C-alpha atoms as a PDB file:
ATOM      1  CA  MET A   1     -16.975  -7.303  -2.746  1.00  0.00           C
ATOM      2  CA  ALA A   2     -17.652  -7.616   0.973  1.00  0.00           C
ATOM      3  CA  ALA A   3     -20.025  -4.983   2.302  1.00  0.00           C
ATOM      4  CA  VAL A   4     -17.728  -3.562   4.947  1.00  0.00           C
ATOM      5  CA  GLY A   5     -18.409   0.013   6.042  1.00  0.00           C
ATOM      6  CA  ILE A   6     -14.842   1.269   6.112  1.00  0.00           C
ATOM      7  CA  MET A   7     -14.263  -0.160   2.642  1.00  0.00           C
ATOM      8  CA  ALA A   8     -16.600   2.418   1.091  1.00  0.00           C
ATOM      9  CA  ALA A   9     -13.504   3.882  -0.555  1.00  0.00           C
ATOM     10  CA  ILE A  10     -12.972   0.627  -2.433  1.00  0.00           C
ATOM     11  CA  VAL A  11     -16.537   0.672  -3.716  1.00  0.00           C
ATOM     12  CA  SER A  12     -16.659   4.350  -4.681  1.00  0.00           C
ATOM     13  CA  CYS A  13     -13.128   4.751  -6.003  1.00  0.00           C
ATOM     14  CA  SER A  14     -12.749   1.539  -7.988  1.00  0.00           C
ATOM     15  CA  ALA A  15     -10.933   2.385 -11.217  1.00  0.00           C
ATOM     16  CA  GLN A  16     -11.130  -1.117 -12.635  1.00  0.00           C
ATOM     17  CA  PRO A  17     -14.150  -2.472 -14.531  1.00  0.00           C
ATOM     18  CA  ALA A  18     -17.166  -3.320 -12.414  1.00  0.00           C
ATOM     19  CA  LYS A  19     -16.755  -7.011 -11.605  1.00  0.00           C
ATOM     20  CA  LYS A  20     -17.603  -9.266  -8.715  1.00  0.00           C
ATOM     21  CA  GLY A  21     -14.817  -9.893  -6.266  1.00  0.00           C
ATOM     22  CA  PRO A  22     -12.168  -7.974  -4.354  1.00  0.00           C
ATOM     23  CA  ALA A  23     -10.393  -4.846  -5.475  1.00  0.00           C
ATOM     24  CA  ILE A  24      -7.054  -5.504  -7.211  1.00  0.00           C
ATOM     25  CA  CYS A  25      -3.945  -3.615  -6.168  1.00  0.00           C
ATOM     26  CA  ALA A  26      -0.583  -3.708  -7.977  1.00  0.00           C
ATOM     27  CA  HIS A  27       2.270  -4.508  -5.568  1.00  0.00           C
ATOM     28  CA  ARG A  28       5.027  -1.848  -5.538  1.00  0.00           C
ATOM     29  CA  GLY A  29       3.487  -0.083  -8.509  1.00  0.00           C
ATOM     30  CA  PHE A  30       3.487  -2.293 -11.578  1.00  0.00           C
ATOM     31  CA  TRP A  31       6.837  -3.928 -11.166  1.00  0.00           C
ATOM     32  CA  ASN A  32       6.724  -7.623 -11.938  1.00  0.00           C
ATOM     33  CA  CYS A  33       4.937  -7.839 -15.288  1.00  0.00           C
ATOM     34  CA  ALA A  34       7.025  -9.150 -18.172  1.00  0.00           C
ATOM     35  CA  ASP A  35       5.955  -6.343 -20.485  1.00  0.00           C
ATOM     36  CA  ALA A  36       6.050  -3.501 -17.957  1.00  0.00           C
ATOM     37  CA  GLY A  37       9.743  -2.621 -18.175  1.00  0.00           C
ATOM     38  CA  HIS A  38       9.662  -0.352 -15.134  1.00  0.00           C
ATOM     39  CA  ALA A  39      11.345  -0.448 -11.745  1.00  0.00           C
ATOM     40  CA  GLN A  40       9.255  -1.179  -8.666  1.00  0.00           C
ATOM     41  CA  ASN A  41       8.125   1.902  -6.763  1.00  0.00           C
ATOM     42  CA  SER A  42       9.069   4.175  -9.660  1.00  0.00           C
ATOM     43  CA  ILE A  43       6.914   7.023 -10.952  1.00  0.00           C
ATOM     44  CA  ALA A  44       6.837   5.216 -14.309  1.00  0.00           C
ATOM     45  CA  SER A  45       5.387   2.077 -12.703  1.00  0.00           C
ATOM     46  CA  LEU A  46       2.692   4.105 -10.924  1.00  0.00           C
ATOM     47  CA  LYS A  47       1.767   5.805 -14.190  1.00  0.00           C
ATOM     48  CA  LEU A  48       1.430   2.436 -15.902  1.00  0.00           C
ATOM     49  CA  ALA A  49      -0.799   1.104 -13.112  1.00  0.00           C
ATOM     50  CA  GLN A  50      -2.994   4.172 -13.568  1.00  0.00           C
ATOM     51  CA  GLU A  51      -3.131   3.694 -17.334  1.00  0.00           C
ATOM     52  CA  PHE A  52      -4.243   0.080 -16.940  1.00  0.00           C
ATOM     53  CA  GLY A  53      -6.985   1.148 -14.553  1.00  0.00           C
ATOM     54  CA  PHE A  54      -6.126  -0.922 -11.516  1.00  0.00           C
ATOM     55  CA  TRP A  55      -8.051  -0.059  -8.376  1.00  0.00           C
ATOM     56  CA  GLY A  56      -4.871   0.516  -6.373  1.00  0.00           C
ATOM     57  CA  SER A  57      -1.101   0.820  -6.495  1.00  0.00           C
ATOM     58  CA  GLU A  58       0.983   0.038  -3.392  1.00  0.00           C
ATOM     59  CA  PHE A  59       4.242   1.843  -2.648  1.00  0.00           C
ATOM     60  CA  ASP A  60       6.729   2.166   0.223  1.00  0.00           C
ATOM     61  CA  VAL A  61       8.189   5.226   1.928  1.00  0.00           C
ATOM     62  CA  HIS A  62      11.279   5.961   4.031  1.00  0.00           C
ATOM     63  CA  ILE A  63      12.790   9.132   5.476  1.00  0.00           C
ATOM     64  CA  THR A  64      16.338  10.314   4.799  1.00  0.00           C
ATOM     65  CA  ALA A  65      18.836  11.754   7.268  1.00  0.00           C
ATOM     66  CA  ASP A  66      17.855  15.257   6.111  1.00  0.00           C
ATOM     67  CA  SER A  67      14.107  14.580   6.490  1.00  0.00           C
ATOM     68  CA  VAL A  68      13.119  13.956   2.877  1.00  0.00           C
ATOM     69  CA  VAL A  69      10.462  11.275   2.454  1.00  0.00           C
ATOM     70  CA  VAL A  70      11.366   9.031  -0.483  1.00  0.00           C
ATOM     71  CA  VAL A  71       9.660   6.159  -2.262  1.00  0.00           C
ATOM     72  CA  ASN A  72      11.627   2.881  -2.256  1.00  0.00           C
ATOM     73  CA  HIS A  73      10.878  -0.655  -1.126  1.00  0.00           C
ATOM     74  CA  ASP A  74      14.184  -1.580   0.510  1.00  0.00           C
ATOM     75  CA  PRO A  75      15.840   0.399   3.341  1.00  0.00           C
ATOM     76  CA  THR A  76      18.923   0.683   1.129  1.00  0.00           C
ATOM     77  CA  ILE A  77      19.596   1.784  -2.427  1.00  0.00           C
ATOM     78  CA  GLY A  78      22.905   1.515  -4.266  1.00  0.00           C
ATOM     79  CA  GLY A  79      24.560   0.245  -1.098  1.00  0.00           C
ATOM     80  CA  MET A  80      23.476   3.311   0.900  1.00  0.00           C
ATOM     81  CA  ILE A  81      21.187   3.160   3.944  1.00  0.00           C
ATOM     82  CA  ILE A  82      18.323   5.553   3.274  1.00  0.00           C
ATOM     83  CA  ASN A  83      17.743   6.796   6.809  1.00  0.00           C
ATOM     84  CA  THR A  84      21.423   7.572   7.411  1.00  0.00           C
ATOM     85  CA  SER A  85      22.011   9.206   4.001  1.00  0.00           C
ATOM     86  CA  THR A  86      20.965  12.576   2.643  1.00  0.00           C
ATOM     87  CA  TYR A  87      18.715  12.788  -0.376  1.00  0.00           C
ATOM     88  CA  GLN A  88      21.548  14.274  -2.444  1.00  0.00           C
ATOM     89  CA  GLU A  89      23.708  11.273  -1.572  1.00  0.00           C
ATOM     90  CA  LEU A  90      20.937   8.899  -2.632  1.00  0.00           C
ATOM     91  CA  LEU A  91      20.704  10.563  -6.042  1.00  0.00           C
ATOM     92  CA  LYS A  92      23.956   8.824  -6.967  1.00  0.00           C
ATOM     93  CA  ALA A  93      22.019   5.554  -7.219  1.00  0.00           C
ATOM     94  CA  LYS A  94      19.730   4.795 -10.146  1.00  0.00           C
ATOM     95  CA  LEU A  95      16.697   2.538 -10.351  1.00  0.00           C
ATOM     96  CA  PRO A  96      16.847  -0.358 -12.848  1.00  0.00           C
ATOM     97  CA  ASN A  97      14.915   1.661 -15.429  1.00  0.00           C
ATOM     98  CA  GLY A  98      17.324   4.608 -15.112  1.00  0.00           C
ATOM     99  CA  GLU A  99      15.121   6.757 -12.906  1.00  0.00           C
ATOM    100  CA  ARG A 100      16.480   8.260  -9.720  1.00  0.00           C
ATOM    101  CA  ILE A 101      14.828   7.504  -6.402  1.00  0.00           C
ATOM    102  CA  PRO A 102      11.689   9.680  -6.257  1.00  0.00           C
ATOM    103  CA  THR A 103      10.655  11.863  -3.379  1.00  0.00           C
ATOM    104  CA  LEU A 104       7.175  11.298  -2.023  1.00  0.00           C
ATOM    105  CA  ASP A 105       6.360  14.821  -3.222  1.00  0.00           C
ATOM    106  CA  GLU A 106       7.200  13.848  -6.817  1.00  0.00           C
ATOM    107  CA  TYR A 107       5.438  10.510  -6.548  1.00  0.00           C
ATOM    108  CA  LEU A 108       2.223  12.091  -5.277  1.00  0.00           C
ATOM    109  CA  GLU A 109       2.287  14.619  -8.113  1.00  0.00           C
ATOM    110  CA  GLN A 110       1.805  11.666 -10.460  1.00  0.00           C
ATOM    111  CA  GLY A 111      -0.569   9.974  -8.035  1.00  0.00           C
ATOM    112  CA  ALA A 112      -2.902  12.962  -8.136  1.00  0.00           C
ATOM    113  CA  LYS A 113      -3.296  12.616 -11.917  1.00  0.00           C
ATOM    114  CA  GLY A 114      -5.166   9.317 -11.889  1.00  0.00           C
ATOM    115  CA  GLY A 115      -8.065   7.657 -10.135  1.00  0.00           C
ATOM    116  CA  THR A 116      -5.949   4.830  -8.745  1.00  0.00           C
ATOM    117  CA  MET A 117      -6.077   4.331  -4.986  1.00  0.00           C
ATOM    118  CA  LEU A 118      -2.655   5.105  -3.482  1.00  0.00           C
ATOM    119  CA  VAL A 119      -1.794   2.416  -0.943  1.00  0.00           C
ATOM    120  CA  LEU A 120       0.924   4.063   1.120  1.00  0.00           C
ATOM    121  CA  GLU A 121       3.131   1.734   3.157  1.00  0.00           C
ATOM    122  CA  LEU A 122       4.912   3.388   6.075  1.00  0.00           C
ATOM    123  CA  LYS A 123       8.119   1.370   6.419  1.00  0.00           C
ATOM    124  CA  PRO A 124       9.602   0.762   9.892  1.00  0.00           C
ATOM    125  CA  GLN A 125      12.395   3.210  10.690  1.00  0.00           C
ATOM    126  CA  ALA A 126      15.462   3.168  12.937  1.00  0.00           C
ATOM    127  CA  ASN A 127      13.646   4.853  15.823  1.00  0.00           C
ATOM    128  CA  ARG A 128      10.238   6.155  16.853  1.00  0.00           C
ATOM    129  CA  LYS A 129      11.184   9.801  16.280  1.00  0.00           C
ATOM    130  CA  ALA A 130      12.098   9.152  12.648  1.00  0.00           C
ATOM    131  CA  ALA A 131       8.974   7.060  12.074  1.00  0.00           C
ATOM    132  CA  THR A 132       6.724   9.781  13.494  1.00  0.00           C
ATOM    133  CA  LYS A 133       8.463  12.498  11.483  1.00  0.00           C
ATOM    134  CA  MET A 134       8.010  10.434   8.319  1.00  0.00           C
ATOM    135  CA  SER A 135       4.297  10.006   9.022  1.00  0.00           C
ATOM    136  CA  GLU A 136       3.864  13.717   9.722  1.00  0.00           C
ATOM    137  CA  LEU A 137       5.603  14.703   6.474  1.00  0.00           C
ATOM    138  CA  ALA A 138       3.601  12.133   4.503  1.00  0.00           C
ATOM    139  CA  VAL A 139       0.373  13.664   5.794  1.00  0.00           C
ATOM    140  CA  GLU A 140       1.583  17.175   4.867  1.00  0.00           C
ATOM    141  CA  LEU A 141       2.410  16.054   1.323  1.00  0.00           C
ATOM    142  CA  LEU A 142      -0.902  14.275   0.851  1.00  0.00           C
ATOM    143  CA  LYS A 143      -2.679  17.477   1.811  1.00  0.00           C
ATOM    144  CA  LYS A 144      -0.445  19.509  -0.503  1.00  0.00           C
ATOM    145  CA  HIS A 145      -1.501  17.368  -3.476  1.00  0.00           C
ATOM    146  CA  ASN A 146      -5.195  17.350  -2.514  1.00  0.00           C
ATOM    147  CA  LEU A 147      -4.998  13.647  -1.712  1.00  0.00           C
ATOM    148  CA  TRP A 148      -6.084  13.870   1.921  1.00  0.00           C
ATOM    149  CA  ASP A 149      -9.150  11.802   1.185  1.00  0.00           C
ATOM    150  CA  PRO A 150     -10.073   8.220   2.248  1.00  0.00           C
ATOM    151  CA  GLU A 151     -11.311   7.632  -1.311  1.00  0.00           C
ATOM    152  CA  LYS A 152      -7.839   8.377  -2.705  1.00  0.00           C
ATOM    153  CA  VAL A 153      -5.377   7.034  -0.116  1.00  0.00           C
ATOM    154  CA  MET A 154      -5.136   4.186   2.370  1.00  0.00           C
ATOM    155  CA  PHE A 155      -2.335   3.327   4.806  1.00  0.00           C
ATOM    156  CA  ILE A 156      -0.568   0.049   5.573  1.00  0.00           C
ATOM    157  CA  SER A 157       2.463  -0.748   7.716  1.00  0.00           C
ATOM    158  CA  PHE A 158       4.450  -3.488   9.427  1.00  0.00           C
ATOM    159  CA  ASP A 159       5.039  -0.910  12.172  1.00  0.00           C
ATOM    160  CA  TYR A 160       2.212  -1.369  14.687  1.00  0.00           C
ATOM    161  CA  GLU A 161       2.941   1.970  16.360  1.00  0.00           C
ATOM    162  CA  ALA A 162       2.757   3.698  12.971  1.00  0.00           C
ATOM    163  CA  CYS A 163      -0.681   2.133  12.437  1.00  0.00           C
ATOM    164  CA  LYS A 164      -1.769   3.433  15.834  1.00  0.00           C
ATOM    165  CA  TRP A 165      -0.441   6.898  14.891  1.00  0.00           C
ATOM    166  CA  ILE A 166      -2.494   6.852  11.684  1.00  0.00           C
ATOM    167  CA  ALA A 167      -5.576   5.711  13.608  1.00  0.00           C
ATOM    168  CA  LYS A 168      -5.228   8.791  15.805  1.00  0.00           C
ATOM    169  CA  ASN A 169      -4.208  11.318  13.163  1.00  0.00           C
ATOM    170  CA  ALA A 170      -6.065  10.073  10.090  1.00  0.00           C
ATOM    171  CA  PRO A 171      -9.456   8.895  11.370  1.00  0.00           C
ATOM    172  CA  GLY A 172     -11.700   7.618   8.611  1.00  0.00           C
ATOM    173  CA  PHE A 173      -8.847   6.369   6.427  1.00  0.00           C
ATOM    174  CA  THR A 174      -8.430   2.648   5.787  1.00  0.00           C
ATOM    175  CA  ASN A 175      -5.444   1.701   7.947  1.00  0.00           C
ATOM    176  CA  GLN A 176      -4.186  -1.886   7.810  1.00  0.00           C
ATOM    177  CA  TYR A 177      -1.625  -3.664   9.950  1.00  0.00           C
ATOM    178  CA  LEU A 178       0.547  -5.783   7.669  1.00  0.00           C
ATOM    179  CA  GLU A 179       2.071  -8.397   9.914  1.00  0.00           C
ATOM    180  CA  GLY A 180      -1.073 -10.467  10.247  1.00  0.00           C
ATOM    181  CA  ASN A 181       0.066 -12.022  13.545  1.00  0.00           C
ATOM    182  CA  ILE A 182      -2.245 -10.128  15.891  1.00  0.00           C
ATOM    183  CA  GLU A 183      -5.880 -11.157  16.206  1.00  0.00           C
ATOM    184  CA  PRO A 184      -8.453  -8.801  14.656  1.00  0.00           C
ATOM    185  CA  GLU A 185     -10.030  -8.100  18.041  1.00  0.00           C
ATOM    186  CA  LYS A 186      -6.734  -6.739  19.426  1.00  0.00           C
ATOM    187  CA  VAL A 187      -6.033  -4.666  16.306  1.00  0.00           C
ATOM    188  CA  HIS A 188      -9.558  -3.258  16.418  1.00  0.00           C
ATOM    189  CA  ALA A 189      -9.231  -2.396  20.123  1.00  0.00           C
ATOM    190  CA  ASP A 190      -6.184  -0.270  19.283  1.00  0.00           C
ATOM    191  CA  GLY A 191      -8.173   1.744  16.738  1.00  0.00           C
ATOM    192  CA  ILE A 192      -6.669   0.111  13.630  1.00  0.00           C
ATOM    193  CA  ASN A 193      -9.415  -0.684  11.151  1.00  0.00           C
ATOM    194  CA  GLY A 194      -7.842  -3.297   8.882  1.00  0.00           C
ATOM    195  CA  ILE A 195      -5.513  -6.274   8.616  1.00  0.00           C
ATOM    196  CA  ASP A 196      -3.218  -7.202   5.738  1.00  0.00           C
ATOM    197  CA  TYR A 197      -1.747 -10.702   5.331  1.00  0.00           C
ATOM    198  CA  HIS A 198       0.999 -12.237   3.250  1.00  0.00           C
ATOM    199  CA  PHE A 199      -0.695 -15.071   1.350  1.00  0.00           C
ATOM    200  CA  ILE A 200       1.508 -17.753   2.945  1.00  0.00           C
ATOM    201  CA  ALA A 201       0.634 -16.592   6.467  1.00  0.00           C
ATOM    202  CA  PHE A 202      -3.016 -16.231   5.549  1.00  0.00           C
ATOM    203  CA  HIS A 203      -3.562 -20.007   5.506  1.00  0.00           C
ATOM    204  CA  LYS A 204      -3.029 -20.082   9.257  1.00  0.00           C
ATOM    205  CA  HIS A 205      -5.998 -17.836   9.998  1.00  0.00           C
ATOM    206  CA  PRO A 206      -8.685 -17.998   7.268  1.00  0.00           C
ATOM    207  CA  ASP A 207     -11.338 -17.488   9.966  1.00  0.00           C
ATOM    208  CA  TRP A 208      -9.922 -14.026  10.645  1.00  0.00           C
ATOM    209  CA  VAL A 209     -11.693 -12.691   7.537  1.00  0.00           C
ATOM    210  CA  LYS A 210     -15.123 -13.168   9.066  1.00  0.00           C
ATOM    211  CA  ARG A 211     -13.921 -12.063  12.489  1.00  0.00           C
ATOM    212  CA  ALA A 212     -12.486  -8.879  11.002  1.00  0.00           C
ATOM    213  CA  HIS A 213     -15.622  -8.204   8.961  1.00  0.00           C
ATOM    214  CA  ASP A 214     -17.777  -8.697  12.054  1.00  0.00           C
ATOM    215  CA  LEU A 215     -15.831  -5.809  13.587  1.00  0.00           C
ATOM    216  CA  GLY A 216     -16.208  -3.615  10.494  1.00  0.00           C
ATOM    217  CA  MET A 217     -12.559  -4.094   9.499  1.00  0.00           C
ATOM    218  CA  SER A 218     -11.144  -4.547   6.002  1.00  0.00           C
ATOM    219  CA  VAL A 219      -8.968  -7.480   4.918  1.00  0.00           C
ATOM    220  CA  ASN A 220      -6.253  -7.373   2.262  1.00  0.00           C
ATOM    221  CA  VAL A 221      -3.999 -10.261   1.183  1.00  0.00           C
ATOM    222  CA  TRP A 222      -0.737  -9.555  -0.612  1.00  0.00           C
ATOM    223  CA  THR A 223       1.659 -11.496  -2.858  1.00  0.00           C
ATOM    224  CA  VAL A 224      -1.188 -13.346  -4.563  1.00  0.00           C
ATOM    225  CA  ASP A 225       0.168 -14.485  -7.905  1.00  0.00           C
ATOM    226  CA  THR A 226      -1.820 -17.439  -9.285  1.00  0.00           C
ATOM    227  CA  GLN A 227      -5.387 -18.036 -10.414  1.00  0.00           C
ATOM    228  CA  GLU A 228      -5.821 -20.752  -7.780  1.00  0.00           C
ATOM    229  CA  GLU A 229      -4.776 -18.402  -4.963  1.00  0.00           C
ATOM    230  CA  MET A 230      -7.107 -15.711  -6.171  1.00  0.00           C
ATOM    231  CA  LYS A 231     -10.115 -18.005  -6.528  1.00  0.00           C
ATOM    232  CA  TYR A 232      -9.518 -19.264  -2.975  1.00  0.00           C
ATOM    233  CA  LEU A 233      -9.484 -15.710  -1.601  1.00  0.00           C
ATOM    234  CA  ILE A 234     -12.548 -14.673  -3.577  1.00  0.00           C
ATOM    235  CA  GLY A 235     -14.382 -17.562  -1.963  1.00  0.00           C
ATOM    236  CA  LEU A 236     -13.443 -16.279   1.479  1.00  0.00           C
ATOM    237  CA  GLY A 237     -14.652 -12.764   0.702  1.00  0.00           C
ATOM    238  CA  VAL A 238     -11.468 -10.712   1.199  1.00  0.00           C
ATOM    239  CA  ASP A 239     -11.817  -7.027   0.336  1.00  0.00           C
ATOM    240  CA  CYS A 240      -8.610  -6.455  -1.587  1.00  0.00           C
ATOM    241  CA  ILE A 241      -5.864  -8.522  -3.234  1.00  0.00           C
ATOM    242  CA  THR A 242      -2.375  -7.123  -3.792  1.00  0.00           C
ATOM    243  CA  THR A 243      -0.449  -8.914  -6.485  1.00  0.00           C
ATOM    244  CA  ASN A 244       2.897  -9.049  -8.278  1.00  0.00           C
ATOM    245  CA  GLU A 245       1.042 -10.168 -11.411  1.00  0.00           C
ATOM    246  CA  PRO A 246      -1.644  -7.523 -11.934  1.00  0.00           C
ATOM    247  CA  LEU A 247      -2.180  -8.254 -15.625  1.00  0.00           C
ATOM    248  CA  LEU A 248      -3.014 -11.902 -14.964  1.00  0.00           C
ATOM    249  CA  LEU A 249      -5.426 -11.126 -12.173  1.00  0.00           C
ATOM    250  CA  HIS A 250      -6.937  -8.078 -13.841  1.00  0.00           C
ATOM    251  CA  TYR A 251      -8.306 -10.247 -16.619  1.00  0.00           C
ATOM    252  CA  LEU A 252      -9.094 -13.187 -14.353  1.00  0.00           C
ATOM    253  CA  LEU A 253     -11.795 -11.397 -12.393  1.00  0.00           C
END
C-alpha cells in the first residue's frame, strides 16, 4: 500500500487480511456478487461486507423533502424522487430484497457494529441548501453513532462544493472528489485531500497517481471488476480499489 500520510486510516483500520496492495472496498455495500442475494445500499449488504472482512463498504446518501437522510444509490426509488418526497412516502417502495429504504441513522447503527471503513458518498442534490443540510445531518449522525473518526469513515462525492464543505468541516478525514476530471494540484489547492476515478476515465490520467501522492493525497479507483484491471492498478500504486466483485478481488490479492 502506498505510504501516503492521509491514508493512515487505511493502514490502521484495515479489516481484511494483511496483504500487499491497495485496500479493497465493496461498491454500494455488497451488491453484485452472485451469492450475496442482497440489494445494493441495503443494511443487509453492509452486514455481509462486514462479515466477509472487507476493508471498506461504499454507500450513497440523499435527503428527503422532510429532511431525513436516506441511503440509496439512485435519486429515485419506486418512481418517486427522493428529494421531493417525504420519508413516509418513500416507505411505499421496497428494495429488491424486500427491505425498505434505510435512513442513514439506521444504516450507521449497523455500520458501528463492524470494523469496516464506511465510505460515505454525498450525492449531488437539487440545490446548495439541500446539499449543505444533508452534509450537516450526516455529520450529526456520525457523531451520534460514535463514528466521527477518520479511521472509521471517509467521504467521497461527485459534488465538488460538497467536497470543499467536508474539507472545511471535517479536517483530517479522507475526502475524495469522484469526478476525476480536475487535476490533483487544483483539488489539493481547494483543501480536498483525495481523488477518486472511474476505471474507464483512469486510463486518461495514470500519471495523476504519482502527482496526487506527491501532494500527500489518496487515490481510489472504482468499478474495477477483473483481475487484469486490478493487477494494472496495483502496479501503479493506487491506495484503494472499489469493486462490484469483492469476492473475486478479495481472494486475488
